[in-house]
Amino acid sequence: MKGMKKYYTQKIMWYLLTLVFAVLLNFILPRLMPGDPVSTIASKSVEGMTDATAIQKVYEDYAAKFGINKPMYVQFFTWVKNALRGDFGISFSQYPRTVSDIISSSVLWTICLQLPAIIVGWILGNLLGAIAAYMKGVFDKAILPAFLFISNVPAFGMATVLLFVFSLKLHIAPAAGGYASSMIPHMSLAFMKSVLSHYQLPFWSIVIITIGGQAIGMRSMSIYELNADYVKYSRFLGIKDHTIVKYVFRNAMLPQITGLAMSLGTMIGGNLVAEMVFSYPGLGTTMLSAVTGQDYPLLSACTLIITIMVLLANLLVELLYAVIDPRVKASQQD
C-alpha cells in the first residue's frame, strides 16, 4: 500500500508540474502571433473620425478593456486568476461575445460528434483485429489490410473524399454545417433530422480513420498472447479453447484501453480537421477562426482545454494501469 501511495503521488506531482509549464506556454505562444487585433477592432469604431487624439483615446480604451496595456507577467497572472473562475476574457474576432460563451457552444458539438465516433471506431477496430488474429483467412489477408490502408489516408484526405463522393456526386448527405442554414436551433423533429443529416459525413470520416490503427494494434497483441507460454500450457492441460481465448483477449486489451483513454482525452483536440473540412460548428472550426482572426484569448482557451484533456487522459491511464496491470502493482510492492 505504501509503494502504491508513493507511485500515485509521484505521478500526480509530475503531471501538475507539466500542467504549469503547459499553461505558461499556452499563454505566451498565441500572443507571439504577428499583428495587433485590438487595432482592427478599434479601427471599426473610429471610422470617419479625423481627430488623432480621439482615435488614440479609443484605442487606449480598447487596450485597457482587453488588458493588453499591462506588462506581460501582469497579464499572465490576471489571465490565470480569471481562467480559474472560467473567465477567459472577450473574443477579438467575435467581439463583444465572451470566450467562455463561444467555447461552451462549440465544445458540445465536438463532444457529440467525436465521442460516439471514437467509441464506435475503437470497438469495430478491436473486433476486426481480434478476428483477424484468431480466425485469419479473409479477415487477415484482405479486410484488415484494406482498412489499414484507408486509415492511413490523412484526415483531411478522407474527409475530402467522403465530401466529394457522398455529397457532391451522390447527394446523400449535406456538404457543410451542423444543420440547415435556414434553421434556428430548437428542439423539434425537423431540426433533429437536419442535425443527423449533417452529422453523417464527419462521423464516418472519424470512424474509418480510427478503425485501422486500433485493428492492427489489437491483432499484434492478440498474436503475441496467442503464442505465449501460458496459452500453450493451458492447451496442453486440455482447457477449452474459448476459455483460453477469453484470457488472451483480456490481456491483449490492456494497450488498447490505453489507446481508448488517449483518444477520449484528445478528442477535443483530435480529428478537428474533419470539423474544418465540413465546417462543422465544433471546436475545430472555432480554432480556425481564432487563428485567422488573431484571436489569442479564444485560441488560448481552446488550446488550454486540449492540454488539460490530454494530461488528464494520460494521468488516468497511469493510475488505472496500477490497478489493471498486476505487473505494475507488483513492482511497487517490491
C-alpha atoms as a PDB file:
ATOM      1  CA  MET A   1       0.000   0.000   0.000  1.00  0.00           C
ATOM      2  CA  LYS A   2       2.870   2.371   0.840  1.00  0.00           C
ATOM      3  CA  GLY A   3       4.510   1.672  -2.547  1.00  0.00           C
ATOM      4  CA  MET A   4       1.261   2.393  -4.399  1.00  0.00           C
ATOM      5  CA  LYS A   5       0.765   5.643  -2.477  1.00  0.00           C
ATOM      6  CA  LYS A   6       4.261   6.755  -3.488  1.00  0.00           C
ATOM      7  CA  TYR A   7       3.553   5.758  -7.092  1.00  0.00           C
ATOM      8  CA  TYR A   8       0.326   7.794  -7.219  1.00  0.00           C
ATOM      9  CA  THR A   9       1.937  10.803  -5.518  1.00  0.00           C
ATOM     10  CA  GLN A  10       4.873  10.878  -7.955  1.00  0.00           C
ATOM     11  CA  LYS A  11       2.620  10.614 -10.990  1.00  0.00           C
ATOM     12  CA  ILE A  12       0.295  13.394  -9.811  1.00  0.00           C
ATOM     13  CA  MET A  13       3.210  15.711  -8.947  1.00  0.00           C
ATOM     14  CA  TRP A  14       4.849  15.223 -12.349  1.00  0.00           C
ATOM     15  CA  TYR A  15       1.585  15.949 -14.149  1.00  0.00           C
ATOM     16  CA  LEU A  16       0.968  19.062 -12.046  1.00  0.00           C
ATOM     17  CA  LEU A  17       4.447  20.310 -12.954  1.00  0.00           C
ATOM     18  CA  THR A  18       3.768  19.570 -16.625  1.00  0.00           C
ATOM     19  CA  LEU A  19       0.487  21.458 -16.373  1.00  0.00           C
ATOM     20  CA  VAL A  20       2.253  24.551 -15.002  1.00  0.00           C
ATOM     21  CA  PHE A  21       4.675  24.670 -17.946  1.00  0.00           C
ATOM     22  CA  ALA A  22       1.878  23.881 -20.406  1.00  0.00           C
ATOM     23  CA  VAL A  23      -0.255  26.756 -19.076  1.00  0.00           C
ATOM     24  CA  LEU A  24       2.717  29.132 -19.331  1.00  0.00           C
ATOM     25  CA  LEU A  25       3.416  28.180 -22.954  1.00  0.00           C
ATOM     26  CA  ASN A  26      -0.300  28.192 -23.719  1.00  0.00           C
ATOM     27  CA  PHE A  27      -0.458  31.838 -22.651  1.00  0.00           C
ATOM     28  CA  ILE A  28       2.754  33.058 -24.283  1.00  0.00           C
ATOM     29  CA  LEU A  29       2.777  31.375 -27.711  1.00  0.00           C
ATOM     30  CA  PRO A  30      -0.558  32.694 -29.084  1.00  0.00           C
ATOM     31  CA  ARG A  31       0.444  36.204 -28.011  1.00  0.00           C
ATOM     32  CA  LEU A  32       3.563  35.999 -30.175  1.00  0.00           C
ATOM     33  CA  MET A  33       1.354  35.989 -33.270  1.00  0.00           C
ATOM     34  CA  PRO A  34       2.120  38.963 -35.541  1.00  0.00           C
ATOM     35  CA  GLY A  35      -0.349  41.808 -35.827  1.00  0.00           C
ATOM     36  CA  ASP A  36      -2.474  43.819 -33.419  1.00  0.00           C
ATOM     37  CA  PRO A  37      -6.094  42.577 -33.317  1.00  0.00           C
ATOM     38  CA  VAL A  38      -7.097  45.380 -30.947  1.00  0.00           C
ATOM     39  CA  SER A  39      -6.235  47.926 -33.645  1.00  0.00           C
ATOM     40  CA  THR A  40      -8.627  46.123 -36.005  1.00  0.00           C
ATOM     41  CA  ILE A  41     -11.472  46.371 -33.507  1.00  0.00           C
ATOM     42  CA  ALA A  42     -10.682  49.984 -32.644  1.00  0.00           C
ATOM     43  CA  SER A  43     -10.477  50.974 -36.303  1.00  0.00           C
ATOM     44  CA  LYS A  44     -14.102  49.941 -36.820  1.00  0.00           C
ATOM     45  CA  SER A  45     -15.159  52.305 -34.041  1.00  0.00           C
ATOM     46  CA  VAL A  46     -13.212  55.316 -35.365  1.00  0.00           C
ATOM     47  CA  GLU A  47     -14.361  55.173 -38.970  1.00  0.00           C
ATOM     48  CA  GLY A  48     -14.959  58.726 -40.135  1.00  0.00           C
ATOM     49  CA  MET A  49     -13.080  60.275 -37.211  1.00  0.00           C
ATOM     50  CA  THR A  50     -10.241  62.693 -38.042  1.00  0.00           C
ATOM     51  CA  ASP A  51      -9.130  63.772 -34.576  1.00  0.00           C
ATOM     52  CA  ALA A  52      -5.880  61.853 -33.884  1.00  0.00           C
ATOM     53  CA  THR A  53      -6.196  62.394 -30.129  1.00  0.00           C
ATOM     54  CA  ALA A  54      -9.721  60.947 -30.093  1.00  0.00           C
ATOM     55  CA  ILE A  55      -8.624  57.987 -32.202  1.00  0.00           C
ATOM     56  CA  GLN A  56      -5.728  57.298 -29.814  1.00  0.00           C
ATOM     57  CA  LYS A  57      -8.124  57.545 -26.852  1.00  0.00           C
ATOM     58  CA  VAL A  58     -10.438  54.966 -28.414  1.00  0.00           C
ATOM     59  CA  TYR A  59      -7.506  52.577 -28.949  1.00  0.00           C
ATOM     60  CA  GLU A  60      -6.333  53.051 -25.359  1.00  0.00           C
ATOM     61  CA  ASP A  61      -9.840  52.332 -24.075  1.00  0.00           C
ATOM     62  CA  TYR A  62      -9.959  49.071 -26.014  1.00  0.00           C
ATOM     63  CA  ALA A  63      -6.417  48.168 -24.897  1.00  0.00           C
ATOM     64  CA  ALA A  64      -7.472  48.704 -21.279  1.00  0.00           C
ATOM     65  CA  LYS A  65     -10.654  46.666 -21.806  1.00  0.00           C
ATOM     66  CA  PHE A  66      -8.670  43.712 -23.175  1.00  0.00           C
ATOM     67  CA  GLY A  67      -5.850  44.212 -20.662  1.00  0.00           C
ATOM     68  CA  ILE A  68      -3.038  44.397 -23.218  1.00  0.00           C
ATOM     69  CA  ASN A  69      -1.773  47.740 -21.860  1.00  0.00           C
ATOM     70  CA  LYS A  70      -0.219  45.973 -18.867  1.00  0.00           C
ATOM     71  CA  PRO A  71       3.136  44.136 -18.652  1.00  0.00           C
ATOM     72  CA  MET A  72       3.087  40.525 -19.879  1.00  0.00           C
ATOM     73  CA  TYR A  73       3.622  38.995 -16.428  1.00  0.00           C
ATOM     74  CA  VAL A  74       0.681  41.004 -15.035  1.00  0.00           C
ATOM     75  CA  GLN A  75      -1.470  39.844 -17.959  1.00  0.00           C
ATOM     76  CA  PHE A  76      -0.447  36.247 -17.259  1.00  0.00           C
ATOM     77  CA  PHE A  77      -1.413  36.218 -13.566  1.00  0.00           C
ATOM     78  CA  THR A  78      -4.645  38.071 -14.329  1.00  0.00           C
ATOM     79  CA  TRP A  79      -5.438  35.531 -17.064  1.00  0.00           C
ATOM     80  CA  VAL A  80      -4.739  32.564 -14.738  1.00  0.00           C
ATOM     81  CA  LYS A  81      -6.861  34.064 -11.947  1.00  0.00           C
ATOM     82  CA  ASN A  82      -9.760  34.655 -14.317  1.00  0.00           C
ATOM     83  CA  ALA A  83      -9.344  31.256 -16.017  1.00  0.00           C
ATOM     84  CA  LEU A  84      -9.717  29.505 -12.660  1.00  0.00           C
ATOM     85  CA  ARG A  85     -13.171  31.119 -12.476  1.00  0.00           C
ATOM     86  CA  GLY A  86     -13.979  30.073 -16.041  1.00  0.00           C
ATOM     87  CA  ASP A  87     -13.495  33.583 -17.418  1.00  0.00           C
ATOM     88  CA  PHE A  88     -11.235  33.640 -20.495  1.00  0.00           C
ATOM     89  CA  GLY A  89     -11.976  37.223 -21.470  1.00  0.00           C
ATOM     90  CA  ILE A  90     -13.623  38.723 -24.534  1.00  0.00           C
ATOM     91  CA  SER A  91     -13.117  37.386 -28.051  1.00  0.00           C
ATOM     92  CA  PHE A  92     -11.337  39.638 -30.554  1.00  0.00           C
ATOM     93  CA  SER A  93     -12.801  38.051 -33.665  1.00  0.00           C
ATOM     94  CA  GLN A  94     -16.367  37.785 -32.315  1.00  0.00           C
ATOM     95  CA  TYR A  95     -16.418  40.898 -30.149  1.00  0.00           C
ATOM     96  CA  PRO A  96     -18.304  41.505 -27.857  1.00  0.00           C
ATOM     97  CA  ARG A  97     -19.006  37.786 -27.224  1.00  0.00           C
ATOM     98  CA  THR A  98     -17.104  36.229 -24.337  1.00  0.00           C
ATOM     99  CA  VAL A  99     -14.686  33.386 -24.972  1.00  0.00           C
ATOM    100  CA  SER A 100     -16.485  31.188 -22.425  1.00  0.00           C
ATOM    101  CA  ASP A 101     -19.744  31.557 -24.348  1.00  0.00           C
ATOM    102  CA  ILE A 102     -18.098  30.604 -27.652  1.00  0.00           C
ATOM    103  CA  ILE A 103     -16.259  27.625 -26.133  1.00  0.00           C
ATOM    104  CA  SER A 104     -19.308  26.264 -24.308  1.00  0.00           C
ATOM    105  CA  SER A 105     -21.341  26.120 -27.514  1.00  0.00           C
ATOM    106  CA  SER A 106     -18.607  24.664 -29.750  1.00  0.00           C
ATOM    107  CA  VAL A 107     -17.321  22.052 -27.268  1.00  0.00           C
ATOM    108  CA  LEU A 108     -20.764  20.455 -27.041  1.00  0.00           C
ATOM    109  CA  TRP A 109     -20.870  19.959 -30.823  1.00  0.00           C
ATOM    110  CA  THR A 110     -17.365  18.446 -30.780  1.00  0.00           C
ATOM    111  CA  ILE A 111     -18.114  16.025 -27.946  1.00  0.00           C
ATOM    112  CA  CYS A 112     -21.401  14.888 -29.518  1.00  0.00           C
ATOM    113  CA  LEU A 113     -19.555  14.214 -32.779  1.00  0.00           C
ATOM    114  CA  GLN A 114     -16.277  12.713 -31.619  1.00  0.00           C
ATOM    115  CA  LEU A 115     -17.219  10.717 -28.510  1.00  0.00           C
ATOM    116  CA  PRO A 116     -19.575   8.305 -30.347  1.00  0.00           C
ATOM    117  CA  ALA A 117     -17.255   8.193 -33.399  1.00  0.00           C
ATOM    118  CA  ILE A 118     -14.172   7.285 -31.333  1.00  0.00           C
ATOM    119  CA  ILE A 119     -16.016   4.611 -29.335  1.00  0.00           C
ATOM    120  CA  VAL A 120     -17.591   3.048 -32.451  1.00  0.00           C
ATOM    121  CA  GLY A 121     -14.243   3.100 -34.287  1.00  0.00           C
ATOM    122  CA  TRP A 122     -12.477   1.607 -31.248  1.00  0.00           C
ATOM    123  CA  ILE A 123     -14.996  -1.230 -30.884  1.00  0.00           C
ATOM    124  CA  LEU A 124     -15.031  -2.069 -34.606  1.00  0.00           C
ATOM    125  CA  GLY A 125     -11.249  -1.851 -34.865  1.00  0.00           C
ATOM    126  CA  ASN A 126     -10.600  -4.139 -31.895  1.00  0.00           C
ATOM    127  CA  LEU A 127     -13.225  -6.596 -33.078  1.00  0.00           C
ATOM    128  CA  LEU A 128     -11.652  -6.707 -36.535  1.00  0.00           C
ATOM    129  CA  GLY A 129      -8.136  -7.092 -35.091  1.00  0.00           C
ATOM    130  CA  ALA A 130      -9.174  -9.923 -32.759  1.00  0.00           C
ATOM    131  CA  ILE A 131     -10.981 -11.797 -35.549  1.00  0.00           C
ATOM    132  CA  ALA A 132      -8.004 -11.335 -37.899  1.00  0.00           C
ATOM    133  CA  ALA A 133      -5.617 -12.757 -35.290  1.00  0.00           C
ATOM    134  CA  TYR A 134      -7.791 -15.709 -34.271  1.00  0.00           C
ATOM    135  CA  MET A 135      -9.584 -16.725 -37.469  1.00  0.00           C
ATOM    136  CA  LYS A 136      -7.064 -15.421 -40.033  1.00  0.00           C
ATOM    137  CA  GLY A 137      -8.260 -16.191 -43.583  1.00  0.00           C
ATOM    138  CA  VAL A 138     -10.012 -13.428 -45.485  1.00  0.00           C
ATOM    139  CA  PHE A 139     -10.058 -11.140 -42.428  1.00  0.00           C
ATOM    140  CA  ASP A 140      -6.267 -11.169 -42.128  1.00  0.00           C
ATOM    141  CA  LYS A 141      -5.457 -11.267 -45.857  1.00  0.00           C
ATOM    142  CA  ALA A 142      -7.951  -8.807 -47.326  1.00  0.00           C
ATOM    143  CA  ILE A 143     -10.264  -6.917 -44.964  1.00  0.00           C
ATOM    144  CA  LEU A 144      -7.654  -5.852 -42.396  1.00  0.00           C
ATOM    145  CA  PRO A 145      -5.110  -4.571 -44.988  1.00  0.00           C
ATOM    146  CA  ALA A 146      -7.907  -2.655 -46.715  1.00  0.00           C
ATOM    147  CA  PHE A 147      -8.918  -0.883 -43.509  1.00  0.00           C
ATOM    148  CA  LEU A 148      -5.273  -0.319 -42.608  1.00  0.00           C
ATOM    149  CA  PHE A 149      -4.676   1.371 -45.963  1.00  0.00           C
ATOM    150  CA  ILE A 150      -7.802   3.511 -45.602  1.00  0.00           C
ATOM    151  CA  SER A 151      -6.914   4.554 -42.052  1.00  0.00           C
ATOM    152  CA  ASN A 152      -3.506   5.805 -43.202  1.00  0.00           C
ATOM    153  CA  VAL A 153      -5.149   8.297 -45.533  1.00  0.00           C
ATOM    154  CA  PRO A 154      -4.712  11.772 -43.957  1.00  0.00           C
ATOM    155  CA  ALA A 155      -7.752  13.004 -42.046  1.00  0.00           C
ATOM    156  CA  PHE A 156      -8.317  15.895 -44.426  1.00  0.00           C
ATOM    157  CA  GLY A 157      -7.985  13.496 -47.383  1.00  0.00           C
ATOM    158  CA  MET A 158     -10.601  11.099 -46.003  1.00  0.00           C
ATOM    159  CA  ALA A 159     -12.968  13.971 -45.229  1.00  0.00           C
ATOM    160  CA  THR A 160     -12.472  15.417 -48.705  1.00  0.00           C
ATOM    161  CA  VAL A 161     -13.115  12.047 -50.403  1.00  0.00           C
ATOM    162  CA  LEU A 162     -16.326  11.491 -48.431  1.00  0.00           C
ATOM    163  CA  LEU A 163     -17.415  15.051 -49.165  1.00  0.00           C
ATOM    164  CA  PHE A 164     -16.797  14.641 -52.894  1.00  0.00           C
ATOM    165  CA  VAL A 165     -18.393  11.199 -53.258  1.00  0.00           C
ATOM    166  CA  PHE A 166     -21.377  11.264 -50.904  1.00  0.00           C
ATOM    167  CA  SER A 167     -22.251  14.951 -51.020  1.00  0.00           C
ATOM    168  CA  LEU A 168     -21.206  16.418 -54.356  1.00  0.00           C
ATOM    169  CA  LYS A 169     -21.727  13.297 -56.503  1.00  0.00           C
ATOM    170  CA  LEU A 170     -24.326  11.096 -54.813  1.00  0.00           C
ATOM    171  CA  HIS A 171     -26.099  13.878 -52.879  1.00  0.00           C
ATOM    172  CA  ILE A 172     -26.655  11.550 -49.928  1.00  0.00           C
ATOM    173  CA  ALA A 173     -25.576  13.976 -47.219  1.00  0.00           C
ATOM    174  CA  PRO A 174     -25.128  17.768 -46.886  1.00  0.00           C
ATOM    175  CA  ALA A 175     -21.707  19.233 -47.615  1.00  0.00           C
ATOM    176  CA  ALA A 176     -21.216  21.574 -44.662  1.00  0.00           C
ATOM    177  CA  GLY A 177     -22.563  22.865 -41.368  1.00  0.00           C
ATOM    178  CA  GLY A 178     -24.127  21.241 -38.341  1.00  0.00           C
ATOM    179  CA  TYR A 179     -27.696  21.883 -39.525  1.00  0.00           C
ATOM    180  CA  ALA A 180     -29.530  23.640 -42.355  1.00  0.00           C
ATOM    181  CA  SER A 181     -28.574  27.296 -42.611  1.00  0.00           C
ATOM    182  CA  SER A 182     -32.251  28.253 -42.874  1.00  0.00           C
ATOM    183  CA  MET A 183     -32.987  26.812 -39.408  1.00  0.00           C
ATOM    184  CA  ILE A 184     -32.653  28.274 -35.942  1.00  0.00           C
ATOM    185  CA  PRO A 185     -31.507  25.730 -33.305  1.00  0.00           C
ATOM    186  CA  HIS A 186     -34.506  24.489 -31.330  1.00  0.00           C
ATOM    187  CA  MET A 187     -35.942  21.204 -30.111  1.00  0.00           C
ATOM    188  CA  SER A 188     -38.064  19.862 -32.937  1.00  0.00           C
ATOM    189  CA  LEU A 189     -38.170  16.754 -35.112  1.00  0.00           C
ATOM    190  CA  ALA A 190     -37.287  18.731 -38.248  1.00  0.00           C
ATOM    191  CA  PHE A 191     -34.233  20.294 -36.611  1.00  0.00           C
ATOM    192  CA  MET A 192     -33.020  16.941 -35.235  1.00  0.00           C
ATOM    193  CA  LYS A 193     -33.359  15.379 -38.695  1.00  0.00           C
ATOM    194  CA  SER A 194     -31.261  18.195 -40.131  1.00  0.00           C
ATOM    195  CA  VAL A 195     -28.607  17.715 -37.435  1.00  0.00           C
ATOM    196  CA  LEU A 196     -28.421  13.948 -38.063  1.00  0.00           C
ATOM    197  CA  SER A 197     -28.206  14.516 -41.813  1.00  0.00           C
ATOM    198  CA  HIS A 198     -25.236  16.876 -41.400  1.00  0.00           C
ATOM    199  CA  TYR A 199     -23.741  14.513 -38.779  1.00  0.00           C
ATOM    200  CA  GLN A 200     -23.167  11.556 -41.114  1.00  0.00           C
ATOM    201  CA  LEU A 201     -20.057  12.505 -43.095  1.00  0.00           C
ATOM    202  CA  PRO A 202     -17.992  13.969 -40.213  1.00  0.00           C
ATOM    203  CA  PHE A 203     -18.931  10.940 -38.055  1.00  0.00           C
ATOM    204  CA  TRP A 204     -17.904   8.291 -40.578  1.00  0.00           C
ATOM    205  CA  SER A 205     -14.716  10.122 -41.565  1.00  0.00           C
ATOM    206  CA  ILE A 206     -13.551   9.831 -37.923  1.00  0.00           C
ATOM    207  CA  VAL A 207     -14.745   6.215 -37.532  1.00  0.00           C
ATOM    208  CA  ILE A 208     -12.975   4.986 -40.679  1.00  0.00           C
ATOM    209  CA  ILE A 209      -9.706   6.682 -39.692  1.00  0.00           C
ATOM    210  CA  THR A 210      -9.906   5.127 -36.199  1.00  0.00           C
ATOM    211  CA  ILE A 211     -10.624   1.511 -37.212  1.00  0.00           C
ATOM    212  CA  GLY A 212      -7.340   0.647 -38.946  1.00  0.00           C
ATOM    213  CA  GLY A 213      -4.974   1.767 -36.186  1.00  0.00           C
ATOM    214  CA  GLN A 214      -6.982   0.024 -33.470  1.00  0.00           C
ATOM    215  CA  ALA A 215      -7.280  -3.157 -35.562  1.00  0.00           C
ATOM    216  CA  ILE A 216      -3.562  -3.508 -36.250  1.00  0.00           C
ATOM    217  CA  GLY A 217      -2.735  -2.895 -32.584  1.00  0.00           C
ATOM    218  CA  MET A 218      -5.253  -5.487 -31.395  1.00  0.00           C
ATOM    219  CA  ARG A 219      -4.101  -8.000 -33.994  1.00  0.00           C
ATOM    220  CA  SER A 220      -0.437  -7.663 -32.983  1.00  0.00           C
ATOM    221  CA  MET A 221      -1.165  -8.002 -29.260  1.00  0.00           C
ATOM    222  CA  SER A 222      -3.548 -10.923 -29.819  1.00  0.00           C
ATOM    223  CA  ILE A 223      -0.977 -12.840 -31.892  1.00  0.00           C
ATOM    224  CA  TYR A 224       1.633 -12.223 -29.199  1.00  0.00           C
ATOM    225  CA  GLU A 225      -0.690 -13.501 -26.476  1.00  0.00           C
ATOM    226  CA  LEU A 226      -1.870 -16.495 -28.526  1.00  0.00           C
ATOM    227  CA  ASN A 227       1.764 -17.639 -28.828  1.00  0.00           C
ATOM    228  CA  ALA A 228       2.573 -17.042 -25.153  1.00  0.00           C
ATOM    229  CA  ASP A 229       3.706 -19.943 -22.964  1.00  0.00           C
ATOM    230  CA  TYR A 230       0.631 -19.836 -20.718  1.00  0.00           C
ATOM    231  CA  VAL A 231      -1.602 -20.443 -23.769  1.00  0.00           C
ATOM    232  CA  LYS A 232       0.434 -23.446 -24.889  1.00  0.00           C
ATOM    233  CA  TYR A 233       0.459 -24.829 -21.349  1.00  0.00           C
ATOM    234  CA  SER A 234      -3.286 -24.295 -20.969  1.00  0.00           C
ATOM    235  CA  ARG A 235      -3.953 -26.159 -24.197  1.00  0.00           C
ATOM    236  CA  PHE A 236      -1.633 -28.943 -23.044  1.00  0.00           C
ATOM    237  CA  LEU A 237      -3.748 -29.261 -19.888  1.00  0.00           C
ATOM    238  CA  GLY A 238      -6.854 -29.622 -22.043  1.00  0.00           C
ATOM    239  CA  ILE A 239      -8.518 -26.346 -21.110  1.00  0.00           C
ATOM    240  CA  LYS A 240     -11.212 -25.441 -23.605  1.00  0.00           C
ATOM    241  CA  ASP A 241     -10.153 -23.021 -26.283  1.00  0.00           C
ATOM    242  CA  HIS A 242     -12.950 -20.499 -25.678  1.00  0.00           C
ATOM    243  CA  THR A 243     -11.815 -20.194 -22.042  1.00  0.00           C
ATOM    244  CA  ILE A 244      -8.206 -19.570 -23.106  1.00  0.00           C
ATOM    245  CA  VAL A 245      -9.239 -17.048 -25.740  1.00  0.00           C
ATOM    246  CA  LYS A 246     -11.170 -15.074 -23.121  1.00  0.00           C
ATOM    247  CA  TYR A 247      -7.973 -14.501 -21.117  1.00  0.00           C
ATOM    248  CA  VAL A 248      -5.897 -13.932 -24.259  1.00  0.00           C
ATOM    249  CA  PHE A 249      -8.080 -11.095 -25.467  1.00  0.00           C
ATOM    250  CA  ARG A 250      -8.392  -9.630 -21.983  1.00  0.00           C
ATOM    251  CA  ASN A 251      -4.607  -9.352 -21.785  1.00  0.00           C
ATOM    252  CA  ALA A 252      -4.397  -8.031 -25.340  1.00  0.00           C
ATOM    253  CA  MET A 253      -6.920  -5.315 -24.459  1.00  0.00           C
ATOM    254  CA  LEU A 254      -4.632  -3.568 -21.940  1.00  0.00           C
ATOM    255  CA  PRO A 255      -2.738  -1.448 -24.511  1.00  0.00           C
ATOM    256  CA  GLN A 256      -5.997  -0.883 -26.380  1.00  0.00           C
ATOM    257  CA  ILE A 257      -7.586   0.559 -23.248  1.00  0.00           C
ATOM    258  CA  THR A 258      -4.657   2.957 -23.126  1.00  0.00           C
ATOM    259  CA  GLY A 259      -5.365   3.914 -26.719  1.00  0.00           C
ATOM    260  CA  LEU A 260      -9.044   4.491 -25.930  1.00  0.00           C
ATOM    261  CA  ALA A 261      -8.231   6.659 -22.925  1.00  0.00           C
ATOM    262  CA  MET A 262      -5.794   8.699 -25.015  1.00  0.00           C
ATOM    263  CA  SER A 263      -8.347   9.048 -27.817  1.00  0.00           C
ATOM    264  CA  LEU A 264     -11.018  10.203 -25.387  1.00  0.00           C
ATOM    265  CA  GLY A 265      -8.555  12.609 -23.802  1.00  0.00           C
ATOM    266  CA  THR A 266      -7.556  14.120 -27.100  1.00  0.00           C
ATOM    267  CA  MET A 267     -10.961  14.009 -28.759  1.00  0.00           C
ATOM    268  CA  ILE A 268     -11.486  17.729 -28.196  1.00  0.00           C
ATOM    269  CA  GLY A 269      -8.209  18.437 -29.932  1.00  0.00           C
ATOM    270  CA  GLY A 270      -8.010  15.455 -32.244  1.00  0.00           C
ATOM    271  CA  ASN A 271      -9.858  14.944 -35.521  1.00  0.00           C
ATOM    272  CA  LEU A 272     -10.552  18.678 -35.708  1.00  0.00           C
ATOM    273  CA  VAL A 273      -9.624  18.584 -39.390  1.00  0.00           C
ATOM    274  CA  ALA A 274     -12.906  16.812 -40.128  1.00  0.00           C
ATOM    275  CA  GLU A 275     -14.783  19.654 -38.472  1.00  0.00           C
ATOM    276  CA  MET A 276     -12.876  22.208 -40.530  1.00  0.00           C
ATOM    277  CA  VAL A 277     -13.467  20.401 -43.847  1.00  0.00           C
ATOM    278  CA  PHE A 278     -17.199  20.043 -43.186  1.00  0.00           C
ATOM    279  CA  SER A 279     -17.490  23.463 -41.468  1.00  0.00           C
ATOM    280  CA  TYR A 280     -18.980  21.616 -38.500  1.00  0.00           C
ATOM    281  CA  PRO A 281     -19.727  24.076 -35.647  1.00  0.00           C
ATOM    282  CA  GLY A 282     -17.299  22.455 -33.209  1.00  0.00           C
ATOM    283  CA  LEU A 283     -14.014  23.381 -31.614  1.00  0.00           C
ATOM    284  CA  GLY A 284     -12.047  22.783 -34.820  1.00  0.00           C
ATOM    285  CA  THR A 285     -13.904  25.485 -36.720  1.00  0.00           C
ATOM    286  CA  THR A 286     -13.646  27.761 -33.671  1.00  0.00           C
ATOM    287  CA  MET A 287      -9.866  27.321 -33.507  1.00  0.00           C
ATOM    288  CA  LEU A 288      -9.547  28.004 -37.225  1.00  0.00           C
ATOM    289  CA  SER A 289     -11.478  31.261 -36.875  1.00  0.00           C
ATOM    290  CA  ALA A 290      -9.356  32.183 -33.852  1.00  0.00           C
ATOM    291  CA  VAL A 291      -6.125  31.723 -35.820  1.00  0.00           C
ATOM    292  CA  THR A 292      -7.321  33.614 -38.884  1.00  0.00           C
ATOM    293  CA  GLY A 293      -8.743  36.400 -36.715  1.00  0.00           C
ATOM    294  CA  GLN A 294      -5.637  36.692 -34.498  1.00  0.00           C
ATOM    295  CA  ASP A 295      -7.960  35.997 -31.583  1.00  0.00           C
ATOM    296  CA  TYR A 296      -5.452  34.840 -28.984  1.00  0.00           C
ATOM    297  CA  PRO A 297      -7.873  34.888 -25.992  1.00  0.00           C
ATOM    298  CA  LEU A 298     -10.046  32.378 -27.865  1.00  0.00           C
ATOM    299  CA  LEU A 299      -7.038  30.412 -29.137  1.00  0.00           C
ATOM    300  CA  SER A 300      -5.512  30.239 -25.638  1.00  0.00           C
ATOM    301  CA  ALA A 301      -8.783  28.927 -24.217  1.00  0.00           C
ATOM    302  CA  CYS A 302      -9.073  26.248 -26.928  1.00  0.00           C
ATOM    303  CA  THR A 303      -5.502  25.026 -26.526  1.00  0.00           C
ATOM    304  CA  LEU A 304      -5.783  25.091 -22.721  1.00  0.00           C
ATOM    305  CA  ILE A 305      -8.827  22.814 -22.848  1.00  0.00           C
ATOM    306  CA  ILE A 306      -6.993  20.442 -25.190  1.00  0.00           C
ATOM    307  CA  THR A 307      -3.897  20.449 -22.944  1.00  0.00           C
ATOM    308  CA  ILE A 308      -5.884  19.685 -19.802  1.00  0.00           C
ATOM    309  CA  MET A 309      -7.810  16.883 -21.508  1.00  0.00           C
ATOM    310  CA  VAL A 310      -4.603  15.249 -22.788  1.00  0.00           C
ATOM    311  CA  LEU A 311      -2.898  15.469 -19.386  1.00  0.00           C
ATOM    312  CA  LEU A 312      -5.946  14.108 -17.570  1.00  0.00           C
ATOM    313  CA  ALA A 313      -6.201  11.217 -20.036  1.00  0.00           C
ATOM    314  CA  ASN A 314      -2.528  10.337 -19.567  1.00  0.00           C
ATOM    315  CA  LEU A 315      -2.788  10.591 -15.788  1.00  0.00           C
ATOM    316  CA  LEU A 316      -5.911   8.446 -15.729  1.00  0.00           C
ATOM    317  CA  VAL A 317      -4.170   5.764 -17.787  1.00  0.00           C
ATOM    318  CA  GLU A 318      -1.149   5.808 -15.462  1.00  0.00           C
ATOM    319  CA  LEU A 319      -3.353   5.444 -12.390  1.00  0.00           C
ATOM    320  CA  LEU A 320      -5.610   2.779 -13.907  1.00  0.00           C
ATOM    321  CA  TYR A 321      -2.640   0.717 -15.047  1.00  0.00           C
ATOM    322  CA  ALA A 322      -1.594   0.309 -11.435  1.00  0.00           C
ATOM    323  CA  VAL A 323      -4.984  -1.325 -10.811  1.00  0.00           C
ATOM    324  CA  ILE A 324      -5.479  -3.190 -14.096  1.00  0.00           C
ATOM    325  CA  ASP A 325      -1.953  -4.495 -14.708  1.00  0.00           C
ATOM    326  CA  PRO A 326      -0.670  -6.753 -11.874  1.00  0.00           C
ATOM    327  CA  ARG A 327       2.939  -6.193 -13.038  1.00  0.00           C
ATOM    328  CA  VAL A 328       2.801  -2.515 -12.082  1.00  0.00           C
ATOM    329  CA  LYS A 329       1.335  -3.348  -8.697  1.00  0.00           C
ATOM    330  CA  ALA A 330       3.995  -5.999  -8.061  1.00  0.00           C
ATOM    331  CA  SER A 331       6.858  -3.639  -8.988  1.00  0.00           C
ATOM    332  CA  GLN A 332       5.574  -1.056  -6.497  1.00  0.00           C
ATOM    333  CA  GLN A 333       5.244  -3.606  -3.713  1.00  0.00           C
ATOM    334  CA  ASP A 334       8.839  -4.718  -4.256  1.00  0.00           C
END
